[in-house]
């Protein structure tokens, strides 16, 4: 369960970063 939560957190952070890059572009 912890692994799944960690993965979700990583994915969410990655998505945020991607959105930031897209907006900056």
N, C-alpha and C. Protein backbone atom coordinates (compact mmCIF):
# COMPACT_ATOMS: atom_id res chain seq x y z
N UNK A 1 0.86 -1.21 0.00
CA UNK A 1 0.00 0.00 0.00
C UNK A 1 0.89 1.26 0.00
N UNK A 2 1.90 1.26 0.80
CA UNK A 2 2.76 2.44 0.86
C UNK A 2 3.41 2.69 -0.50
N UNK A 3 3.83 1.61 -1.14
CA UNK A 3 4.44 1.74 -2.46
C UNK A 3 3.48 2.41 -3.43
N UNK A 4 2.23 1.97 -3.38
CA UNK A 4 1.22 2.55 -4.30
C UNK A 4 1.05 4.03 -4.02
N UNK A 5 0.98 4.39 -2.75
CA UNK A 5 0.81 5.80 -2.39
C UNK A 5 2.00 6.60 -2.88
N UNK A 6 3.19 6.06 -2.67
CA UNK A 6 4.41 6.76 -3.10
C UNK A 6 4.38 6.98 -4.61
N UNK A 7 3.98 5.95 -5.34
CA UNK A 7 3.92 6.05 -6.80
C UNK A 7 2.93 7.15 -7.19
N UNK A 8 1.79 7.18 -6.53
CA UNK A 8 0.78 8.18 -6.84
C UNK A 8 1.34 9.58 -6.60
N UNK A 9 2.04 9.74 -5.50
CA UNK A 9 2.61 11.05 -5.17
C UNK A 9 3.61 11.46 -6.24
N UNK A 10 4.46 10.52 -6.64
CA UNK A 10 5.46 10.81 -7.68
C UNK A 10 4.76 11.22 -8.96
N UNK A 11 3.74 10.48 -9.33
CA UNK A 11 3.00 10.78 -10.57
C UNK A 11 2.39 12.17 -10.50
N UNK A 12 1.79 12.49 -9.36
CA UNK A 12 1.15 13.80 -9.21
C UNK A 12 2.19 14.91 -9.34
N UNK A 13 3.32 14.73 -8.71
CA UNK A 13 4.37 15.75 -8.78
C UNK A 13 4.87 15.88 -10.21
N UNK A 14 5.02 14.74 -10.89
CA UNK A 14 5.50 14.75 -12.27
C UNK A 14 4.50 15.49 -13.15
N UNK A 15 3.22 15.22 -12.93
CA UNK A 15 2.18 15.88 -13.73
C UNK A 15 2.26 17.39 -13.53
N UNK A 16 2.45 17.80 -12.28
CA UNK A 16 2.54 19.23 -11.99
C UNK A 16 3.72 19.84 -12.73
N UNK A 17 4.85 19.14 -12.70
CA UNK A 17 6.04 19.64 -13.40
C UNK A 17 5.76 19.76 -14.89
N UNK A 18 5.14 18.73 -15.45
CA UNK A 18 4.84 18.75 -16.88
C UNK A 18 3.94 19.94 -17.21
N UNK A 19 2.92 20.15 -16.39
CA UNK A 19 2.00 21.27 -16.63
C UNK A 19 2.77 22.58 -16.57
N UNK A 20 3.68 22.69 -15.62
CA UNK A 20 4.47 23.92 -15.48
C UNK A 20 5.29 24.15 -16.74
N UNK A 21 5.92 23.10 -17.24
CA UNK A 21 6.74 23.24 -18.45
C UNK A 21 5.86 23.64 -19.62
N UNK A 22 4.69 23.05 -19.71
CA UNK A 22 3.78 23.34 -20.83
C UNK A 22 3.36 24.81 -20.76
N UNK A 23 3.04 25.29 -19.56
CA UNK A 23 2.61 26.67 -19.41
C UNK A 23 3.78 27.61 -19.72
N UNK A 24 4.98 27.23 -19.30
CA UNK A 24 6.16 28.07 -19.55
C UNK A 24 6.43 28.13 -21.06
N UNK A 25 6.18 27.02 -21.76
CA UNK A 25 6.41 27.00 -23.20
C UNK A 25 5.42 27.95 -23.86
